[in-house]
Amino acid sequence: MGGMDEAAVKRKLGIQTWRNVSKDKVLRFAAAMPEMATEARLKLIEQFPAFKDLGKADIDAVKEAHKSTLAANENSQEHFYRAAQDQRDALRADLGRDDLSWEQREALYDRLDRNVQQVGEKDSENKQFLGTGMKVVAAAGAAAIALGVAFVGGKIAVSEGGSEESQRS
């Protein structure tokens, strides 16, 4: 495929050095990879910390978003559990009254039972939410790694005379 050397790639990207390269330049670098000679591509990837940093920055952004979501979720959970506990306390206080009929007591016990069921449902819902969030974070990390490996490895295999078969491997 192409035979562009390191100097030609720098000229194409409009940069003097590989240090402090912007995200935009990293993406342009990745797009220019098919035009590079294999040796130049390997040498540049080794020297090009911004390529690695781009993936790390994306993973860090996903982690920070996940942390923020977890904090908001925890706050919401605390409010729900506090309100549910307040309701149970009020129902217990009502159940302690001596002037209640059996029907009134039964209605209070039913409300107390519904409250406990709602807490259990909320707990299950929260565990499902947390599990889904962990899957998203894991998938984002795996995707970033897989894309980097597939992009670099696939392009090298094709430029070294590999067929479509070697690109799929």
C-alpha atoms as a PDB file:
ATOM      1  CA  MET A   1       0.000   0.000   0.000  1.00  0.00           C
ATOM      2  CA  GLY A   2       1.602   3.378   0.411  1.00  0.00           C
ATOM      3  CA  GLY A   3       5.167   4.225   1.127  1.00  0.00           C
ATOM      4  CA  MET A   4       4.851   7.464   3.067  1.00  0.00           C
ATOM      5  CA  ASP A   5       7.731   7.944   5.534  1.00  0.00           C
ATOM      6  CA  GLU A   6       7.726   9.713   8.919  1.00  0.00           C
ATOM      7  CA  ALA A   7       8.621  13.145   7.509  1.00  0.00           C
ATOM      8  CA  ALA A   8       5.856  12.914   4.913  1.00  0.00           C
ATOM      9  CA  VAL A   9       3.324  11.986   7.591  1.00  0.00           C
ATOM     10  CA  LYS A  10       4.377  14.974   9.715  1.00  0.00           C
ATOM     11  CA  ARG A  11       4.020  17.268   6.695  1.00  0.00           C
ATOM     12  CA  LYS A  12       0.589  15.834   5.917  1.00  0.00           C
ATOM     13  CA  LEU A  13      -0.533  16.436   9.514  1.00  0.00           C
ATOM     14  CA  GLY A  14       1.054  19.901   9.611  1.00  0.00           C
ATOM     15  CA  ILE A  15       3.206  19.206  12.682  1.00  0.00           C
ATOM     16  CA  GLN A  16       6.895  19.640  13.531  1.00  0.00           C
ATOM     17  CA  THR A  17       7.110  17.038  16.337  1.00  0.00           C
ATOM     18  CA  TRP A  18       5.023  14.179  17.765  1.00  0.00           C
ATOM     19  CA  ARG A  19       4.877  15.772  21.224  1.00  0.00           C
ATOM     20  CA  ASN A  20       1.666  17.469  22.309  1.00  0.00           C
ATOM     21  CA  VAL A  21      -0.331  16.343  19.288  1.00  0.00           C
ATOM     22  CA  SER A  22      -4.043  17.183  19.498  1.00  0.00           C
ATOM     23  CA  LYS A  23      -6.862  14.624  19.360  1.00  0.00           C
ATOM     24  CA  ASP A  24      -7.773  15.882  15.908  1.00  0.00           C
ATOM     25  CA  LYS A  25      -4.229  15.212  14.714  1.00  0.00           C
ATOM     26  CA  VAL A  26      -4.321  11.728  16.258  1.00  0.00           C
ATOM     27  CA  LEU A  27      -7.439  10.910  14.258  1.00  0.00           C
ATOM     28  CA  ARG A  28      -5.850  12.298  11.095  1.00  0.00           C
ATOM     29  CA  PHE A  29      -2.763  10.207  11.862  1.00  0.00           C
ATOM     30  CA  ALA A  30      -4.907   7.081  12.157  1.00  0.00           C
ATOM     31  CA  ALA A  31      -6.629   7.878   8.870  1.00  0.00           C
ATOM     32  CA  ALA A  32      -3.240   8.314   7.154  1.00  0.00           C
ATOM     33  CA  MET A  33      -1.906   4.949   8.362  1.00  0.00           C
ATOM     34  CA  PRO A  34      -2.907   3.007   5.213  1.00  0.00           C
ATOM     35  CA  GLU A  35      -0.712   5.339   3.143  1.00  0.00           C
ATOM     36  CA  MET A  36       2.397   4.716   5.272  1.00  0.00           C
ATOM     37  CA  ALA A  37       5.166   2.223   4.757  1.00  0.00           C
ATOM     38  CA  THR A  38       5.011  -0.628   7.298  1.00  0.00           C
ATOM     39  CA  GLU A  39       8.330   0.258   8.915  1.00  0.00           C
ATOM     40  CA  ALA A  40       7.342   3.920   9.226  1.00  0.00           C
ATOM     41  CA  ARG A  41       3.962   2.956  10.690  1.00  0.00           C
ATOM     42  CA  LEU A  42       5.515   0.735  13.370  1.00  0.00           C
ATOM     43  CA  LYS A  43       8.154   3.342  14.218  1.00  0.00           C
ATOM     44  CA  LEU A  44       5.544   6.097  14.478  1.00  0.00           C
ATOM     45  CA  ILE A  45       3.223   4.087  16.667  1.00  0.00           C
ATOM     46  CA  GLU A  46       6.077   3.468  19.107  1.00  0.00           C
ATOM     47  CA  GLN A  47       6.923   7.186  19.197  1.00  0.00           C
ATOM     48  CA  PHE A  48       3.400   8.445  19.170  1.00  0.00           C
ATOM     49  CA  PRO A  49       2.231   8.684  22.778  1.00  0.00           C
ATOM     50  CA  ALA A  50      -0.865  10.634  21.791  1.00  0.00           C
ATOM     51  CA  PHE A  51      -2.234   7.567  19.980  1.00  0.00           C
ATOM     52  CA  LYS A  52      -2.070   5.573  23.226  1.00  0.00           C
ATOM     53  CA  ASP A  53      -3.238   8.568  25.262  1.00  0.00           C
ATOM     54  CA  LEU A  54      -6.333   8.983  23.092  1.00  0.00           C
ATOM     55  CA  GLY A  55      -7.539   5.503  24.029  1.00  0.00           C
ATOM     56  CA  LYS A  56      -6.650   6.098  27.667  1.00  0.00           C
ATOM     57  CA  ALA A  57      -8.488   9.435  27.665  1.00  0.00           C
ATOM     58  CA  ASP A  58     -11.588   7.797  26.229  1.00  0.00           C
ATOM     59  CA  ILE A  59     -11.501   5.044  28.851  1.00  0.00           C
ATOM     60  CA  ASP A  60     -10.922   7.635  31.593  1.00  0.00           C
ATOM     61  CA  ALA A  61     -13.935   9.614  30.355  1.00  0.00           C
ATOM     62  CA  VAL A  62     -16.124   6.501  30.517  1.00  0.00           C
ATOM     63  CA  LYS A  63     -14.828   5.756  34.026  1.00  0.00           C
ATOM     64  CA  GLU A  64     -15.565   9.303  35.204  1.00  0.00           C
ATOM     65  CA  ALA A  65     -19.064   9.214  33.723  1.00  0.00           C
ATOM     66  CA  HIS A  66     -19.623   5.866  35.453  1.00  0.00           C
ATOM     67  CA  LYS A  67     -18.409   7.283  38.792  1.00  0.00           C
ATOM     68  CA  SER A  68     -20.759  10.233  38.418  1.00  0.00           C
ATOM     69  CA  THR A  69     -23.658   7.929  37.600  1.00  0.00           C
ATOM     70  CA  LEU A  70     -22.860   5.757  40.615  1.00  0.00           C
ATOM     71  CA  ALA A  71     -22.778   8.789  42.903  1.00  0.00           C
ATOM     72  CA  ALA A  72     -26.144  10.019  41.609  1.00  0.00           C
ATOM     73  CA  ASN A  73     -27.572   6.521  41.955  1.00  0.00           C
ATOM     74  CA  GLU A  74     -26.322   6.226  45.531  1.00  0.00           C
ATOM     75  CA  ASN A  75     -27.892   9.573  46.414  1.00  0.00           C
ATOM     76  CA  SER A  76     -31.206   8.508  44.866  1.00  0.00           C
ATOM     77  CA  GLN A  77     -31.091   5.183  46.715  1.00  0.00           C
ATOM     78  CA  GLU A  78     -30.455   6.910  50.029  1.00  0.00           C
ATOM     79  CA  HIS A  79     -33.454   9.214  49.516  1.00  0.00           C
ATOM     80  CA  PHE A  80     -35.699   6.282  48.639  1.00  0.00           C
ATOM     81  CA  TYR A  81     -34.584   4.150  51.595  1.00  0.00           C
ATOM     82  CA  ARG A  82     -34.901   7.083  53.998  1.00  0.00           C
ATOM     83  CA  ALA A  83     -38.458   7.794  52.788  1.00  0.00           C
ATOM     84  CA  ALA A  84     -39.375   4.103  53.021  1.00  0.00           C
ATOM     85  CA  GLN A  85     -37.990   3.939  56.561  1.00  0.00           C
ATOM     86  CA  ASP A  86     -39.927   7.071  57.552  1.00  0.00           C
ATOM     87  CA  GLN A  87     -43.112   5.465  56.219  1.00  0.00           C
ATOM     88  CA  ARG A  88     -42.445   2.227  58.162  1.00  0.00           C
ATOM     89  CA  ASP A  89     -41.806   4.233  61.340  1.00  0.00           C
ATOM     90  CA  ALA A  90     -45.125   6.078  60.893  1.00  0.00           C
ATOM     91  CA  LEU A  91     -46.989   2.818  60.223  1.00  0.00           C
ATOM     92  CA  ARG A  92     -45.458   1.209  63.338  1.00  0.00           C
ATOM     93  CA  ALA A  93     -46.486   4.212  65.389  1.00  0.00           C
ATOM     94  CA  ASP A  94     -50.045   3.901  64.059  1.00  0.00           C
ATOM     95  CA  LEU A  95     -50.066   0.162  64.793  1.00  0.00           C
ATOM     96  CA  GLY A  96     -49.159   0.953  68.416  1.00  0.00           C
ATOM     97  CA  ARG A  97     -52.415   2.832  68.947  1.00  0.00           C
ATOM     98  CA  ASP A  98     -54.998   1.078  71.126  1.00  0.00           C
ATOM     99  CA  ASP A  99     -58.075   2.579  69.436  1.00  0.00           C
ATOM    100  CA  LEU A 100     -57.698   0.759  66.071  1.00  0.00           C
ATOM    101  CA  SER A 101     -60.172  -1.773  64.798  1.00  0.00           C
ATOM    102  CA  TRP A 102     -58.990  -5.098  63.366  1.00  0.00           C
ATOM    103  CA  GLU A 103     -59.725  -3.815  59.821  1.00  0.00           C
ATOM    104  CA  GLN A 104     -57.625  -0.699  60.416  1.00  0.00           C
ATOM    105  CA  ARG A 105     -54.743  -2.792  61.795  1.00  0.00           C
ATOM    106  CA  GLU A 106     -54.980  -5.148  58.824  1.00  0.00           C
ATOM    107  CA  ALA A 107     -54.855  -2.183  56.410  1.00  0.00           C
ATOM    108  CA  LEU A 108     -51.757  -0.824  58.202  1.00  0.00           C
ATOM    109  CA  TYR A 109     -50.065  -4.254  58.059  1.00  0.00           C
ATOM    110  CA  ASP A 110     -50.844  -4.411  54.325  1.00  0.00           C
ATOM    111  CA  ARG A 111     -49.277  -0.993  53.792  1.00  0.00           C
ATOM    112  CA  LEU A 112     -46.235  -2.039  55.825  1.00  0.00           C
ATOM    113  CA  ASP A 113     -45.927  -5.201  53.736  1.00  0.00           C
ATOM    114  CA  ARG A 114     -46.158  -3.188  50.476  1.00  0.00           C
ATOM    115  CA  ASN A 115     -43.443  -0.875  51.764  1.00  0.00           C
ATOM    116  CA  VAL A 116     -41.109  -3.794  52.453  1.00  0.00           C
ATOM    117  CA  GLN A 117     -41.854  -5.265  49.002  1.00  0.00           C
ATOM    118  CA  GLN A 118     -41.070  -1.907  47.355  1.00  0.00           C
ATOM    119  CA  VAL A 119     -37.719  -1.771  49.155  1.00  0.00           C
ATOM    120  CA  GLY A 120     -36.914  -5.277  47.899  1.00  0.00           C
ATOM    121  CA  GLU A 121     -37.905  -4.328  44.335  1.00  0.00           C
ATOM    122  CA  LYS A 122     -35.810  -1.165  44.521  1.00  0.00           C
ATOM    123  CA  ASP A 123     -32.828  -3.181  45.721  1.00  0.00           C
ATOM    124  CA  SER A 124     -33.176  -5.657  42.835  1.00  0.00           C
ATOM    125  CA  GLU A 125     -33.600  -2.800  40.361  1.00  0.00           C
ATOM    126  CA  ASN A 126     -30.454  -1.135  41.722  1.00  0.00           C
ATOM    127  CA  LYS A 127     -28.407  -4.322  41.460  1.00  0.00           C
ATOM    128  CA  GLN A 128     -29.526  -4.731  37.851  1.00  0.00           C
ATOM    129  CA  PHE A 129     -28.599  -1.089  37.141  1.00  0.00           C
ATOM    130  CA  LEU A 130     -25.146  -1.529  38.690  1.00  0.00           C
ATOM    131  CA  GLY A 131     -24.561  -4.735  36.744  1.00  0.00           C
ATOM    132  CA  THR A 132     -25.483  -3.026  33.486  1.00  0.00           C
ATOM    133  CA  GLY A 133     -23.183  -0.104  34.301  1.00  0.00           C
ATOM    134  CA  MET A 134     -20.250  -2.421  34.950  1.00  0.00           C
ATOM    135  CA  LYS A 135     -20.899  -4.177  31.636  1.00  0.00           C
ATOM    136  CA  VAL A 136     -20.851  -0.822  29.827  1.00  0.00           C
ATOM    137  CA  VAL A 137     -17.522   0.168  31.417  1.00  0.00           C
ATOM    138  CA  ALA A 138     -16.000  -3.236  30.655  1.00  0.00           C
ATOM    139  CA  ALA A 139     -17.286  -3.138  27.073  1.00  0.00           C
ATOM    140  CA  ALA A 140     -15.897   0.370  26.517  1.00  0.00           C
ATOM    141  CA  GLY A 141     -12.461  -0.686  27.751  1.00  0.00           C
ATOM    142  CA  ALA A 142     -12.464  -3.861  25.698  1.00  0.00           C
ATOM    143  CA  ALA A 143     -13.662  -1.996  22.615  1.00  0.00           C
ATOM    144  CA  ALA A 144     -10.901   0.605  22.905  1.00  0.00           C
ATOM    145  CA  ILE A 145      -8.264  -2.095  23.191  1.00  0.00           C
ATOM    146  CA  ALA A 146      -9.776  -4.227  20.423  1.00  0.00           C
ATOM    147  CA  LEU A 147     -10.097  -1.287  18.057  1.00  0.00           C
ATOM    148  CA  GLY A 148      -6.491  -0.294  18.607  1.00  0.00           C
ATOM    149  CA  VAL A 149      -5.211  -3.815  18.081  1.00  0.00           C
ATOM    150  CA  ALA A 150      -7.479  -4.498  15.099  1.00  0.00           C
ATOM    151  CA  PHE A 151      -6.720  -1.170  13.463  1.00  0.00           C
ATOM    152  CA  VAL A 152      -2.969  -1.365  13.796  1.00  0.00           C
ATOM    153  CA  GLY A 153      -2.692  -5.137  13.330  1.00  0.00           C
ATOM    154  CA  GLY A 154      -5.165  -5.299  10.448  1.00  0.00           C
ATOM    155  CA  LYS A 155      -3.550  -2.438   8.566  1.00  0.00           C
ATOM    156  CA  ILE A 156      -0.075  -3.933   8.997  1.00  0.00           C
ATOM    157  CA  ALA A 157      -1.233  -7.356   7.765  1.00  0.00           C
ATOM    158  CA  VAL A 158      -2.859  -5.823   4.685  1.00  0.00           C
ATOM    159  CA  SER A 159       0.104  -3.579   3.874  1.00  0.00           C
ATOM    160  CA  GLU A 160       2.511  -6.525   4.171  1.00  0.00           C
ATOM    161  CA  GLY A 161       0.707  -8.240   1.301  1.00  0.00           C
ATOM    162  CA  GLY A 162      -1.873 -10.046   3.440  1.00  0.00           C
ATOM    163  CA  SER A 163      -5.145 -10.994   1.887  1.00  0.00           C
ATOM    164  CA  GLU A 164      -8.634 -10.313   3.139  1.00  0.00           C
ATOM    165  CA  GLU A 165      -8.351 -13.580   5.059  1.00  0.00           C
ATOM    166  CA  SER A 166      -5.360 -12.353   7.093  1.00  0.00           C
ATOM    167  CA  GLN A 167      -7.213  -9.149   7.919  1.00  0.00           C
ATOM    168  CA  ARG A 168     -10.044 -11.172   9.497  1.00  0.00           C
ATOM    169  CA  SER A 169      -7.713 -13.243  11.695  1.00  0.00           C
END
